[in-house]
Amino acid sequence: MTSERAPQLRGFAGVVLTIRFLTELALLAGLAVAGARLGDGLLFSIVNAILLPLVAAVVWAVFIGPRAPRRLPEPGRFIVESVLFAATGVALALSGWLVVGIVVAVAGIGFAILTRAFARDG
């Protein structure tokens, strides 16, 4: 057990960070769905459904996350994050889920902006 206390999620900043986390989960789920739908055959669908979110998670963990070992400075971090959300939106649109793709991309980029404005994440 560590003596460090987790940051409290309070007020508007807490809401922003909570929804941002949900958009990150939507990014991973969206890539899994798009990968499964865009795969040619069962094997490629399964591989895509695993690899697309895995690659995004690795990029996030290495370059974007608060404890990332090679965390990019702003605005590079925002650009990489926006590209991931936009790519997820495009992948979902190509897989036939146009509205979901637009919602994931807009919400992800929007809450990335709100996080930087109201809820500094370190």
PDB file of N, CA and C in Angstrom:
ATOM      1  N   MET A   1       0.849  -1.171   0.000  1.00  0.00           N
ATOM      2  CA  MET A   1       0.000   0.000   0.000  1.00  0.00           C
ATOM      3  C   MET A   1       0.893   1.232   0.000  1.00  0.00           C
ATOM      4  N   THR A   2       0.547   2.202  -0.833  1.00  0.00           N
ATOM      5  CA  THR A   2       1.352   3.412  -0.911  1.00  0.00           C
ATOM      6  C   THR A   2       0.701   4.528  -0.114  1.00  0.00           C
ATOM      7  N   SER A   3       1.514   5.513   0.212  1.00  0.00           N
ATOM      8  CA  SER A   3       0.987   6.646   0.975  1.00  0.00           C
ATOM      9  C   SER A   3       0.451   7.747   0.064  1.00  0.00           C
ATOM     10  N   GLU A   4       0.621   7.595  -1.266  1.00  0.00           N
ATOM     11  CA  GLU A   4       0.110   8.588  -2.196  1.00  0.00           C
ATOM     12  C   GLU A   4      -1.404   8.517  -2.263  1.00  0.00           C
ATOM     13  N   ARG A   5      -1.998   9.688  -2.336  1.00  0.00           N
ATOM     14  CA  ARG A   5      -3.454   9.739  -2.454  1.00  0.00           C
ATOM     15  C   ARG A   5      -3.807  10.054  -3.900  1.00  0.00           C
ATOM     16  N   ALA A   6      -4.844   9.411  -4.383  1.00  0.00           N
ATOM     17  CA  ALA A   6      -5.321   9.678  -5.735  1.00  0.00           C
ATOM     18  C   ALA A   6      -5.965  11.056  -5.769  1.00  0.00           C
ATOM     19  N   PRO A   7      -5.863  11.771  -6.905  1.00  0.00           N
ATOM     20  CA  PRO A   7      -6.492  13.081  -6.991  1.00  0.00           C
ATOM     21  C   PRO A   7      -8.009  12.941  -6.918  1.00  0.00           C
ATOM     22  N   GLN A   8      -8.626  13.903  -6.256  1.00  0.00           N
ATOM     23  CA  GLN A   8     -10.078  13.924  -6.119  1.00  0.00           C
ATOM     24  C   GLN A   8     -10.689  14.508  -7.399  1.00  0.00           C
ATOM     25  N   LEU A   9     -11.746  13.881  -7.876  1.00  0.00           N
ATOM     26  CA  LEU A   9     -12.459  14.398  -9.038  1.00  0.00           C
ATOM     27  C   LEU A   9     -13.637  15.211  -8.527  1.00  0.00           C
ATOM     28  N   ARG A  10     -13.488  16.534  -8.571  1.00  0.00           N
ATOM     29  CA  ARG A  10     -14.520  17.421  -8.043  1.00  0.00           C
ATOM     30  C   ARG A  10     -14.914  18.451  -9.081  1.00  0.00           C
ATOM     31  N   GLY A  11     -16.158  18.863  -9.000  1.00  0.00           N
ATOM     32  CA  GLY A  11     -16.654  19.955  -9.824  1.00  0.00           C
ATOM     33  C   GLY A  11     -16.592  19.668 -11.307  1.00  0.00           C
ATOM     34  N   PHE A  12     -16.530  20.749 -12.069  1.00  0.00           N
ATOM     35  CA  PHE A  12     -16.529  20.649 -13.525  1.00  0.00           C
ATOM     36  C   PHE A  12     -15.304  19.903 -14.029  1.00  0.00           C
ATOM     37  N   ALA A  13     -14.149  20.131 -13.404  1.00  0.00           N
ATOM     38  CA  ALA A  13     -12.934  19.424 -13.824  1.00  0.00           C
ATOM     39  C   ALA A  13     -13.099  17.920 -13.673  1.00  0.00           C
ATOM     40  N   GLY A  14     -13.737  17.479 -12.609  1.00  0.00           N
ATOM     41  CA  GLY A  14     -13.980  16.058 -12.401  1.00  0.00           C
ATOM     42  C   GLY A  14     -14.891  15.475 -13.462  1.00  0.00           C
ATOM     43  N   VAL A  15     -15.921  16.236 -13.839  1.00  0.00           N
ATOM     44  CA  VAL A  15     -16.833  15.788 -14.895  1.00  0.00           C
ATOM     45  C   VAL A  15     -16.075  15.667 -16.219  1.00  0.00           C
ATOM     46  N   VAL A  16     -15.271  16.671 -16.523  1.00  0.00           N
ATOM     47  CA  VAL A  16     -14.504  16.662 -17.773  1.00  0.00           C
ATOM     48  C   VAL A  16     -13.564  15.456 -17.813  1.00  0.00           C
ATOM     49  N   LEU A  17     -12.832  15.214 -16.732  1.00  0.00           N
ATOM     50  CA  LEU A  17     -11.899  14.083 -16.711  1.00  0.00           C
ATOM     51  C   LEU A  17     -12.619  12.738 -16.788  1.00  0.00           C
ATOM     52  N   THR A  18     -13.775  12.644 -16.155  1.00  0.00           N
ATOM     53  CA  THR A  18     -14.544  11.402 -16.218  1.00  0.00           C
ATOM     54  C   THR A  18     -15.028  11.127 -17.638  1.00  0.00           C
ATOM     55  N   ILE A  19     -15.570  12.148 -18.282  1.00  0.00           N
ATOM     56  CA  ILE A  19     -16.055  11.957 -19.654  1.00  0.00           C
ATOM     57  C   ILE A  19     -14.885  11.736 -20.604  1.00  0.00           C
ATOM     58  N   ARG A  20     -13.769  12.383 -20.340  1.00  0.00           N
ATOM     59  CA  ARG A  20     -12.597  12.141 -21.179  1.00  0.00           C
ATOM     60  C   ARG A  20     -12.185  10.674 -21.094  1.00  0.00           C
ATOM     61  N   PHE A  21     -12.193  10.108 -19.892  1.00  0.00           N
ATOM     62  CA  PHE A  21     -11.861   8.687 -19.736  1.00  0.00           C
ATOM     63  C   PHE A  21     -12.840   7.829 -20.533  1.00  0.00           C
ATOM     64  N   LEU A  22     -14.115   8.185 -20.497  1.00  0.00           N
ATOM     65  CA  LEU A  22     -15.113   7.432 -21.263  1.00  0.00           C
ATOM     66  C   LEU A  22     -14.865   7.551 -22.764  1.00  0.00           C
ATOM     67  N   THR A  23     -14.408   8.712 -23.233  1.00  0.00           N
ATOM     68  CA  THR A  23     -14.087   8.843 -24.658  1.00  0.00           C
ATOM     69  C   THR A  23     -12.873   7.996 -25.025  1.00  0.00           C
ATOM     70  N   GLU A  24     -11.936   7.854 -24.101  1.00  0.00           N
ATOM     71  CA  GLU A  24     -10.785   6.980 -24.357  1.00  0.00           C
ATOM     72  C   GLU A  24     -11.238   5.529 -24.496  1.00  0.00           C
ATOM     73  N   LEU A  25     -12.169   5.110 -23.649  1.00  0.00           N
ATOM     74  CA  LEU A  25     -12.713   3.761 -23.767  1.00  0.00           C
ATOM     75  C   LEU A  25     -13.481   3.606 -25.077  1.00  0.00           C
ATOM     76  N   ALA A  26     -14.221   4.632 -25.482  1.00  0.00           N
ATOM     77  CA  ALA A  26     -14.959   4.591 -26.743  1.00  0.00           C
ATOM     78  C   ALA A  26     -14.002   4.487 -27.927  1.00  0.00           C
ATOM     79  N   LEU A  27     -12.842   5.144 -27.829  1.00  0.00           N
ATOM     80  CA  LEU A  27     -11.830   5.049 -28.874  1.00  0.00           C
ATOM     81  C   LEU A  27     -11.388   3.597 -29.047  1.00  0.00           C
ATOM     82  N   LEU A  28     -11.075   2.938 -27.943  1.00  0.00           N
ATOM     83  CA  LEU A  28     -10.624   1.546 -28.012  1.00  0.00           C
ATOM     84  C   LEU A  28     -11.736   0.630 -28.518  1.00  0.00           C
ATOM     85  N   ALA A  29     -12.945   0.818 -28.018  1.00  0.00           N
ATOM     86  CA  ALA A  29     -14.069  -0.003 -28.459  1.00  0.00           C
ATOM     87  C   ALA A  29     -14.377   0.248 -29.934  1.00  0.00           C
ATOM     88  N   GLY A  30     -14.324   1.500 -30.336  1.00  0.00           N
ATOM     89  CA  GLY A  30     -14.579   1.835 -31.735  1.00  0.00           C
ATOM     90  C   GLY A  30     -13.571   1.197 -32.667  1.00  0.00           C
ATOM     91  N   LEU A  31     -12.307   1.197 -32.277  1.00  0.00           N
ATOM     92  CA  LEU A  31     -11.290   0.558 -33.109  1.00  0.00           C
ATOM     93  C   LEU A  31     -11.492  -0.952 -33.171  1.00  0.00           C
ATOM     94  N   ALA A  32     -11.926  -1.550 -32.074  1.00  0.00           N
ATOM     95  CA  ALA A  32     -12.186  -2.993 -32.068  1.00  0.00           C
ATOM     96  C   ALA A  32     -13.351  -3.319 -33.005  1.00  0.00           C
ATOM     97  N   VAL A  33     -14.418  -2.544 -32.919  1.00  0.00           N
ATOM     98  CA  VAL A  33     -15.582  -2.775 -33.778  1.00  0.00           C
ATOM     99  C   VAL A  33     -15.218  -2.553 -35.246  1.00  0.00           C
ATOM    100  N   ALA A  34     -14.547  -1.438 -35.525  1.00  0.00           N
ATOM    101  CA  ALA A  34     -14.167  -1.152 -36.905  1.00  0.00           C
ATOM    102  C   ALA A  34     -13.214  -2.217 -37.438  1.00  0.00           C
ATOM    103  N   GLY A  35     -12.271  -2.630 -36.617  1.00  0.00           N
ATOM    104  CA  GLY A  35     -11.340  -3.665 -37.045  1.00  0.00           C
ATOM    105  C   GLY A  35     -12.041  -4.968 -37.373  1.00  0.00           C
ATOM    106  N   ALA A  36     -13.001  -5.333 -36.548  1.00  0.00           N
ATOM    107  CA  ALA A  36     -13.747  -6.573 -36.793  1.00  0.00           C
ATOM    108  C   ALA A  36     -14.583  -6.469 -38.063  1.00  0.00           C
ATOM    109  N   ARG A  37     -15.183  -5.316 -38.298  1.00  0.00           N
ATOM    110  CA  ARG A  37     -16.051  -5.147 -39.469  1.00  0.00           C
ATOM    111  C   ARG A  37     -15.267  -4.953 -40.755  1.00  0.00           C
ATOM    112  N   LEU A  38     -14.059  -4.414 -40.675  1.00  0.00           N
ATOM    113  CA  LEU A  38     -13.270  -4.161 -41.881  1.00  0.00           C
ATOM    114  C   LEU A  38     -12.378  -5.332 -42.271  1.00  0.00           C
ATOM    115  N   GLY A  39     -12.250  -6.312 -41.408  1.00  0.00           N
ATOM    116  CA  GLY A  39     -11.406  -7.462 -41.718  1.00  0.00           C
ATOM    117  C   GLY A  39     -11.996  -8.296 -42.841  1.00  0.00           C
ATOM    118  N   ASP A  40     -11.131  -8.836 -43.684  1.00  0.00           N
ATOM    119  CA  ASP A  40     -11.553  -9.684 -44.796  1.00  0.00           C
ATOM    120  C   ASP A  40     -11.467 -11.137 -44.346  1.00  0.00           C
ATOM    121  N   GLY A  41     -12.571 -11.684 -43.913  1.00  0.00           N
ATOM    122  CA  GLY A  41     -12.585 -13.041 -43.388  1.00  0.00           C
ATOM    123  C   GLY A  41     -12.509 -13.035 -41.877  1.00  0.00           C
ATOM    124  N   LEU A  42     -12.849 -14.161 -41.305  1.00  0.00           N
ATOM    125  CA  LEU A  42     -12.921 -14.272 -39.849  1.00  0.00           C
ATOM    126  C   LEU A  42     -11.571 -14.033 -39.180  1.00  0.00           C
ATOM    127  N   LEU A  43     -10.522 -14.638 -39.675  1.00  0.00           N
ATOM    128  CA  LEU A  43      -9.197 -14.501 -39.054  1.00  0.00           C
ATOM    129  C   LEU A  43      -8.731 -13.046 -39.058  1.00  0.00           C
ATOM    130  N   PHE A  44      -8.851 -12.373 -40.215  1.00  0.00           N
ATOM    131  CA  PHE A  44      -8.408 -10.983 -40.287  1.00  0.00           C
ATOM    132  C   PHE A  44      -9.297 -10.063 -39.457  1.00  0.00           C
ATOM    133  N   SER A  45     -10.568 -10.391 -39.347  1.00  0.00           N
ATOM    134  CA  SER A  45     -11.461  -9.603 -38.494  1.00  0.00           C
ATOM    135  C   SER A  45     -11.028  -9.679 -37.037  1.00  0.00           C
ATOM    136  N   ILE A  46     -10.697 -10.878 -36.604  1.00  0.00           N
ATOM    137  CA  ILE A  46     -10.250 -11.055 -35.218  1.00  0.00           C
ATOM    138  C   ILE A  46      -8.921 -10.350 -34.985  1.00  0.00           C
ATOM    139  N   VAL A  47      -7.996 -10.514 -35.915  1.00  0.00           N
ATOM    140  CA  VAL A  47      -6.680  -9.869 -35.781  1.00  0.00           C
ATOM    141  C   VAL A  47      -6.836  -8.352 -35.749  1.00  0.00           C
ATOM    142  N   ASN A  48      -7.629  -7.809 -36.667  1.00  0.00           N
ATOM    143  CA  ASN A  48      -7.857  -6.352 -36.685  1.00  0.00           C
ATOM    144  C   ASN A  48      -8.526  -5.867 -35.405  1.00  0.00           C
ATOM    145  N   ALA A  49      -9.497  -6.630 -34.917  1.00  0.00           N
ATOM    146  CA  ALA A  49     -10.217  -6.233 -33.708  1.00  0.00           C
ATOM    147  C   ALA A  49      -9.305  -6.211 -32.490  1.00  0.00           C
ATOM    148  N   ILE A  50      -8.237  -6.973 -32.527  1.00  0.00           N
ATOM    149  CA  ILE A  50      -7.277  -6.982 -31.421  1.00  0.00           C
ATOM    150  C   ILE A  50      -6.165  -5.969 -31.649  1.00  0.00           C
ATOM    151  N   LEU A  51      -5.616  -5.948 -32.875  1.00  0.00           N
ATOM    152  CA  LEU A  51      -4.442  -5.107 -33.131  1.00  0.00           C
ATOM    153  C   LEU A  51      -4.738  -3.610 -33.161  1.00  0.00           C
ATOM    154  N   LEU A  52      -5.844  -3.202 -33.756  1.00  0.00           N
ATOM    155  CA  LEU A  52      -6.112  -1.760 -33.842  1.00  0.00           C
ATOM    156  C   LEU A  52      -6.201  -1.103 -32.464  1.00  0.00           C
ATOM    157  N   PRO A  53      -7.016  -1.625 -31.542  1.00  0.00           N
ATOM    158  CA  PRO A  53      -7.032  -0.983 -30.222  1.00  0.00           C
ATOM    159  C   PRO A  53      -5.730  -1.177 -29.453  1.00  0.00           C
ATOM    160  N   LEU A  54      -5.038  -2.279 -29.689  1.00  0.00           N
ATOM    161  CA  LEU A  54      -3.763  -2.502 -29.009  1.00  0.00           C
ATOM    162  C   LEU A  54      -2.730  -1.459 -29.426  1.00  0.00           C
ATOM    163  N   VAL A  55      -2.647  -1.180 -30.714  1.00  0.00           N
ATOM    164  CA  VAL A  55      -1.706  -0.163 -31.201  1.00  0.00           C
ATOM    165  C   VAL A  55      -2.070   1.208 -30.625  1.00  0.00           C
ATOM    166  N   ALA A  56      -3.359   1.540 -30.627  1.00  0.00           N
ATOM    167  CA  ALA A  56      -3.782   2.824 -30.071  1.00  0.00           C
ATOM    168  C   ALA A  56      -3.454   2.909 -28.583  1.00  0.00           C
ATOM    169  N   ALA A  57      -3.673   1.820 -27.849  1.00  0.00           N
ATOM    170  CA  ALA A  57      -3.383   1.815 -26.410  1.00  0.00           C
ATOM    171  C   ALA A  57      -1.891   1.986 -26.144  1.00  0.00           C
ATOM    172  N   VAL A  58      -1.065   1.373 -26.974  1.00  0.00           N
ATOM    173  CA  VAL A  58       0.385   1.505 -26.801  1.00  0.00           C
ATOM    174  C   VAL A  58       0.815   2.945 -27.094  1.00  0.00           C
ATOM    175  N   VAL A  59       0.305   3.519 -28.171  1.00  0.00           N
ATOM    176  CA  VAL A  59       0.632   4.915 -28.490  1.00  0.00           C
ATOM    177  C   VAL A  59       0.199   5.826 -27.344  1.00  0.00           C
ATOM    178  N   TRP A  60      -1.006   5.593 -26.827  1.00  0.00           N
ATOM    179  CA  TRP A  60      -1.512   6.415 -25.716  1.00  0.00           C
ATOM    180  C   TRP A  60      -0.622   6.251 -24.482  1.00  0.00           C
ATOM    181  N   ALA A  61      -0.280   5.017 -24.167  1.00  0.00           N
ATOM    182  CA  ALA A  61       0.513   4.742 -22.961  1.00  0.00           C
ATOM    183  C   ALA A  61       1.924   5.311 -23.057  1.00  0.00           C
ATOM    184  N   VAL A  62       2.483   5.330 -24.239  1.00  0.00           N
ATOM    185  CA  VAL A  62       3.868   5.787 -24.395  1.00  0.00           C
ATOM    186  C   VAL A  62       3.969   7.295 -24.572  1.00  0.00           C
ATOM    187  N   PHE A  63       3.008   7.911 -25.264  1.00  0.00           N
ATOM    188  CA  PHE A  63       3.158   9.321 -25.635  1.00  0.00           C
ATOM    189  C   PHE A  63       2.141  10.283 -25.036  1.00  0.00           C
ATOM    190  N   ILE A  64       0.988   9.800 -24.565  1.00  0.00           N
ATOM    191  CA  ILE A  64      -0.087  10.715 -24.167  1.00  0.00           C
ATOM    192  C   ILE A  64      -0.416  10.654 -22.683  1.00  0.00           C
ATOM    193  N   GLY A  65      -0.495   9.466 -22.124  1.00  0.00           N
ATOM    194  CA  GLY A  65      -0.942   9.281 -20.742  1.00  0.00           C
ATOM    195  C   GLY A  65      -0.132  10.070 -19.728  1.00  0.00           C
ATOM    196  N   PRO A  66      -0.748  10.374 -18.569  1.00  0.00           N
ATOM    197  CA  PRO A  66      -0.065  11.166 -17.541  1.00  0.00           C
ATOM    198  C   PRO A  66       1.230  10.537 -17.030  1.00  0.00           C
ATOM    199  N   ARG A  67       1.325   9.228 -17.064  1.00  0.00           N
ATOM    200  CA  ARG A  67       2.544   8.547 -16.606  1.00  0.00           C
ATOM    201  C   ARG A  67       3.353   7.971 -17.762  1.00  0.00           C
ATOM    202  N   ALA A  68       3.146   8.497 -18.957  1.00  0.00           N
ATOM    203  CA  ALA A  68       3.833   8.001 -20.152  1.00  0.00           C
ATOM    204  C   ALA A  68       5.341   8.209 -20.027  1.00  0.00           C
ATOM    205  N   PRO A  69       6.129   7.199 -20.370  1.00  0.00           N
ATOM    206  CA  PRO A  69       7.585   7.334 -20.253  1.00  0.00           C
ATOM    207  C   PRO A  69       8.175   8.355 -21.226  1.00  0.00           C
ATOM    208  N   ARG A  70       7.524   8.569 -22.360  1.00  0.00           N
ATOM    209  CA  ARG A  70       8.001   9.536 -23.355  1.00  0.00           C
ATOM    210  C   ARG A  70       6.894  10.533 -23.668  1.00  0.00           C
ATOM    211  N   ARG A  71       6.262  11.037 -22.636  1.00  0.00           N
ATOM    212  CA  ARG A  71       5.115  11.930 -22.805  1.00  0.00           C
ATOM    213  C   ARG A  71       5.501  13.139 -23.632  1.00  0.00           C
ATOM    214  N   LEU A  72       4.723  13.359 -24.667  1.00  0.00           N
ATOM    215  CA  LEU A  72       4.987  14.481 -25.555  1.00  0.00           C
ATOM    216  C   LEU A  72       4.586  15.792 -24.894  1.00  0.00           C
ATOM    217  N   PRO A  73       5.312  16.860 -25.202  1.00  0.00           N
ATOM    218  CA  PRO A  73       4.880  18.176 -24.722  1.00  0.00           C
ATOM    219  C   PRO A  73       3.706  18.667 -25.582  1.00  0.00           C
ATOM    220  N   GLU A  74       2.967  19.624 -25.061  1.00  0.00           N
ATOM    221  CA  GLU A  74       1.909  20.235 -25.866  1.00  0.00           C
ATOM    222  C   GLU A  74       2.571  21.094 -26.927  1.00  0.00           C
ATOM    223  N   PRO A  75       2.069  21.242 -28.110  1.00  0.00           N
ATOM    224  CA  PRO A  75       0.812  20.731 -28.625  1.00  0.00           C
ATOM    225  C   PRO A  75       0.931  19.342 -29.275  1.00  0.00           C
ATOM    226  N   GLY A  76       2.121  18.760 -29.241  1.00  0.00           N
ATOM    227  CA  GLY A  76       2.312  17.449 -29.860  1.00  0.00           C
ATOM    228  C   GLY A  76       1.396  16.382 -29.291  1.00  0.00           C
ATOM    229  N   ARG A  77       1.220  16.406 -27.976  1.00  0.00           N
ATOM    230  CA  ARG A  77       0.344  15.427 -27.320  1.00  0.00           C
ATOM    231  C   ARG A  77      -1.092  15.588 -27.802  1.00  0.00           C
ATOM    232  N   PHE A  78      -1.551  16.835 -27.917  1.00  0.00           N
ATOM    233  CA  PHE A  78      -2.899  17.089 -28.401  1.00  0.00           C
ATOM    234  C   PHE A  78      -3.062  16.631 -29.849  1.00  0.00           C
ATOM    235  N   ILE A  79      -2.056  16.853 -30.669  1.00  0.00           N
ATOM    236  CA  ILE A  79      -2.120  16.460 -32.075  1.00  0.00           C
ATOM    237  C   ILE A  79      -2.213  14.945 -32.208  1.00  0.00           C
ATOM    238  N   VAL A  80      -1.380  14.212 -31.478  1.00  0.00           N
ATOM    239  CA  VAL A  80      -1.418  12.744 -31.546  1.00  0.00           C
ATOM    240  C   VAL A  80      -2.767  12.236 -31.044  1.00  0.00           C
ATOM    241  N   GLU A  81      -3.254  12.795 -29.955  1.00  0.00           N
ATOM    242  CA  GLU A  81      -4.549  12.397 -29.413  1.00  0.00           C
ATOM    243  C   GLU A  81      -5.665  12.669 -30.421  1.00  0.00           C
ATOM    244  N   SER A  82      -5.639  13.826 -31.053  1.00  0.00           N
ATOM    245  CA  SER A  82      -6.656  14.175 -32.047  1.00  0.00           C
ATOM    246  C   SER A  82      -6.591  13.259 -33.263  1.00  0.00           C
ATOM    247  N   VAL A  83      -5.392  12.912 -33.687  1.00  0.00           N
ATOM    248  CA  VAL A  83      -5.241  11.993 -34.821  1.00  0.00           C
ATOM    249  C   VAL A  83      -5.827  10.627 -34.483  1.00  0.00           C
ATOM    250  N   LEU A  84      -5.605  10.147 -33.261  1.00  0.00           N
ATOM    251  CA  LEU A  84      -6.179   8.862 -32.858  1.00  0.00           C
ATOM    252  C   LEU A  84      -7.706   8.901 -32.884  1.00  0.00           C
ATOM    253  N   PHE A  85      -8.300   9.965 -32.351  1.00  0.00           N
ATOM    254  CA  PHE A  85      -9.757  10.072 -32.365  1.00  0.00           C
ATOM    255  C   PHE A  85     -10.291  10.230 -33.785  1.00  0.00           C
ATOM    256  N   ALA A  86      -9.624  11.034 -34.606  1.00  0.00           N
ATOM    257  CA  ALA A  86     -10.066  11.216 -35.987  1.00  0.00           C
ATOM    258  C   ALA A  86      -9.945   9.906 -36.769  1.00  0.00           C
ATOM    259  N   ALA A  87      -8.862   9.174 -36.571  1.00  0.00           N
ATOM    260  CA  ALA A  87      -8.682   7.889 -37.262  1.00  0.00           C
ATOM    261  C   ALA A  87      -9.751   6.888 -36.826  1.00  0.00           C
ATOM    262  N   THR A  88     -10.102   6.912 -35.558  1.00  0.00           N
ATOM    263  CA  THR A  88     -11.177   6.040 -35.082  1.00  0.00           C
ATOM    264  C   THR A  88     -12.489   6.410 -35.746  1.00  0.00           C
ATOM    265  N   GLY A  89     -12.769   7.699 -35.844  1.00  0.00           N
ATOM    266  CA  GLY A  89     -13.984   8.148 -36.519  1.00  0.00           C
ATOM    267  C   GLY A  89     -14.033   7.716 -37.975  1.00  0.00           C
ATOM    268  N   VAL A  90     -12.914   7.845 -38.662  1.00  0.00           N
ATOM    269  CA  VAL A  90     -12.848   7.429 -40.064  1.00  0.00           C
ATOM    270  C   VAL A  90     -13.026   5.921 -40.182  1.00  0.00           C
ATOM    271  N   ALA A  91     -12.364   5.166 -39.314  1.00  0.00           N
ATOM    272  CA  ALA A  91     -12.484   3.704 -39.360  1.00  0.00           C
ATOM    273  C   ALA A  91     -13.927   3.270 -39.113  1.00  0.00           C
ATOM    274  N   LEU A  92     -14.583   3.895 -38.152  1.00  0.00           N
ATOM    275  CA  LEU A  92     -15.983   3.563 -37.882  1.00  0.00           C
ATOM    276  C   LEU A  92     -16.868   3.943 -39.073  1.00  0.00           C
ATOM    277  N   ALA A  93     -16.619   5.095 -39.671  1.00  0.00           N
ATOM    278  CA  ALA A  93     -17.399   5.518 -40.834  1.00  0.00           C
ATOM    279  C   ALA A  93     -17.212   4.537 -41.994  1.00  0.00           C
ATOM    280  N   LEU A  94     -15.982   4.100 -42.226  1.00  0.00           N
ATOM    281  CA  LEU A  94     -15.710   3.147 -43.300  1.00  0.00           C
ATOM    282  C   LEU A  94     -16.348   1.786 -43.041  1.00  0.00           C
ATOM    283  N   SER A  95     -16.549   1.471 -41.775  1.00  0.00           N
ATOM    284  CA  SER A  95     -17.155   0.185 -41.440  1.00  0.00           C
ATOM    285  C   SER A  95     -18.682   0.252 -41.417  1.00  0.00           C
ATOM    286  N   GLY A  96     -19.236   1.410 -41.787  1.00  0.00           N
ATOM    287  CA  GLY A  96     -20.674   1.545 -41.865  1.00  0.00           C
ATOM    288  C   GLY A  96     -21.321   2.216 -40.669  1.00  0.00           C
ATOM    289  N   TRP A  97     -20.539   2.680 -39.738  1.00  0.00           N
ATOM    290  CA  TRP A  97     -21.060   3.330 -38.538  1.00  0.00           C
ATOM    291  C   TRP A  97     -20.701   4.820 -38.575  1.00  0.00           C
ATOM    292  N   LEU A  98     -21.224   5.510 -39.565  1.00  0.00           N
ATOM    293  CA  LEU A  98     -20.872   6.909 -39.800  1.00  0.00           C
ATOM    294  C   LEU A  98     -21.185   7.800 -38.600  1.00  0.00           C
ATOM    295  N   VAL A  99     -22.403   7.746 -38.091  1.00  0.00           N
ATOM    296  CA  VAL A  99     -22.808   8.630 -36.994  1.00  0.00           C
ATOM    297  C   VAL A  99     -21.986   8.350 -35.742  1.00  0.00           C
ATOM    298  N   VAL A 100     -21.779   7.078 -35.431  1.00  0.00           N
ATOM    299  CA  VAL A 100     -20.966   6.722 -34.260  1.00  0.00           C
ATOM    300  C   VAL A 100     -19.540   7.233 -34.445  1.00  0.00           C
ATOM    301  N   GLY A 101     -19.006   7.095 -35.645  1.00  0.00           N
ATOM    302  CA  GLY A 101     -17.658   7.594 -35.917  1.00  0.00           C
ATOM    303  C   GLY A 101     -17.547   9.089 -35.700  1.00  0.00           C
ATOM    304  N   ILE A 102     -18.541   9.832 -36.173  1.00  0.00           N
ATOM    305  CA  ILE A 102     -18.523  11.282 -35.989  1.00  0.00           C
ATOM    306  C   ILE A 102     -18.615  11.632 -34.505  1.00  0.00           C
ATOM    307  N   VAL A 103     -19.496  10.950 -33.782  1.00  0.00           N
ATOM    308  CA  VAL A 103     -19.671  11.232 -32.355  1.00  0.00           C
ATOM    309  C   VAL A 103     -18.379  10.939 -31.589  1.00  0.00           C
ATOM    310  N   VAL A 104     -17.754   9.805 -31.852  1.00  0.00           N
ATOM    311  CA  VAL A 104     -16.520   9.444 -31.141  1.00  0.00           C
ATOM    312  C   VAL A 104     -15.421  10.461 -31.448  1.00  0.00           C
ATOM    313  N   ALA A 105     -15.266  10.825 -32.716  1.00  0.00           N
ATOM    314  CA  ALA A 105     -14.208  11.766 -33.086  1.00  0.00           C
ATOM    315  C   ALA A 105     -14.449  13.146 -32.481  1.00  0.00           C
ATOM    316  N   VAL A 106     -15.659  13.662 -32.610  1.00  0.00           N
ATOM    317  CA  VAL A 106     -15.965  15.007 -32.108  1.00  0.00           C
ATOM    318  C   VAL A 106     -15.894  15.048 -30.582  1.00  0.00           C
ATOM    319  N   ALA A 107     -16.484  14.038 -29.934  1.00  0.00           N
ATOM    320  CA  ALA A 107     -16.460  14.018 -28.460  1.00  0.00           C
ATOM    321  C   ALA A 107     -15.033  13.856 -27.949  1.00  0.00           C
ATOM    322  N   GLY A 108     -14.258  12.979 -28.565  1.00  0.00           N
ATOM    323  CA  GLY A 108     -12.880  12.764 -28.119  1.00  0.00           C
ATOM    324  C   GLY A 108     -12.030  14.010 -28.246  1.00  0.00           C
ATOM    325  N   ILE A 109     -12.103  14.651 -29.403  1.00  0.00           N
ATOM    326  CA  ILE A 109     -11.315  15.871 -29.614  1.00  0.00           C
ATOM    327  C   ILE A 109     -11.854  17.013 -28.749  1.00  0.00           C
ATOM    328  N   GLY A 110     -13.171  17.091 -28.635  1.00  0.00           N
ATOM    329  CA  GLY A 110     -13.774  18.140 -27.807  1.00  0.00           C
ATOM    330  C   GLY A 110     -13.369  18.026 -26.350  1.00  0.00           C
ATOM    331  N   PHE A 111     -13.396  16.809 -25.812  1.00  0.00           N
ATOM    332  CA  PHE A 111     -13.012  16.655 -24.410  1.00  0.00           C
ATOM    333  C   PHE A 111     -11.503  16.733 -24.217  1.00  0.00           C
ATOM    334  N   ALA A 112     -10.731  16.497 -25.253  1.00  0.00           N
ATOM    335  CA  ALA A 112      -9.289  16.753 -25.161  1.00  0.00           C
ATOM    336  C   ALA A 112      -9.046  18.253 -24.999  1.00  0.00           C
ATOM    337  N   ILE A 113      -9.815  19.046 -25.723  1.00  0.00           N
ATOM    338  CA  ILE A 113      -9.704  20.505 -25.595  1.00  0.00           C
ATOM    339  C   ILE A 113     -10.173  20.958 -24.216  1.00  0.00           C
ATOM    340  N   LEU A 114     -11.328  20.445 -23.770  1.00  0.00           N
ATOM    341  CA  LEU A 114     -11.852  20.826 -22.452  1.00  0.00           C
ATOM    342  C   LEU A 114     -10.900  20.424 -21.325  1.00  0.00           C
ATOM    343  N   THR A 115     -10.247  19.284 -21.472  1.00  0.00           N
ATOM    344  CA  THR A 115      -9.285  18.847 -20.451  1.00  0.00           C
ATOM    345  C   THR A 115      -8.155  19.852 -20.333  1.00  0.00           C
ATOM    346  N   ARG A 116      -7.658  20.299 -21.450  1.00  0.00           N
ATOM    347  CA  ARG A 116      -6.554  21.251 -21.421  1.00  0.00           C
ATOM    348  C   ARG A 116      -6.988  22.618 -20.899  1.00  0.00           C
ATOM    349  N   ALA A 117      -8.254  22.956 -21.090  1.00  0.00           N
ATOM    350  CA  ALA A 117      -8.742  24.248 -20.636  1.00  0.00           C
ATOM    351  C   ALA A 117      -9.166  24.272 -19.171  1.00  0.00           C
ATOM    352  N   PHE A 118      -9.776  23.177 -18.694  1.00  0.00           N
ATOM    353  CA  PHE A 118     -10.389  23.206 -17.367  1.00  0.00           C
ATOM    354  C   PHE A 118      -9.872  22.182 -16.365  1.00  0.00           C
ATOM    355  N   ALA A 119      -9.238  21.127 -16.825  1.00  0.00           N
ATOM    356  CA  ALA A 119      -8.871  20.042 -15.912  1.00  0.00           C
ATOM    357  C   ALA A 119      -7.466  19.554 -16.225  1.00  0.00           C
ATOM    358  N   ARG A 120      -6.512  20.354 -15.967  1.00  0.00           N
ATOM    359  CA  ARG A 120      -5.125  19.991 -16.266  1.00  0.00           C
ATOM    360  C   ARG A 120      -4.845  18.570 -15.830  1.00  0.00           C
ATOM    361  N   ASP A 121      -4.300  17.776 -16.743  1.00  0.00           N
ATOM    362  CA  ASP A 121      -4.033  16.367 -16.428  1.00  0.00           C
ATOM    363  C   ASP A 121      -2.563  16.110 -16.159  1.00  0.00           C
ATOM    364  N   GLY A 122      -1.832  17.104 -15.839  1.00  0.00           N
ATOM    365  CA  GLY A 122      -0.430  16.931 -15.494  1.00  0.00           C
ATOM    366  C   GLY A 122       0.416  17.337 -16.591  1.00  0.00           C
TER     367      GLY A 122
END
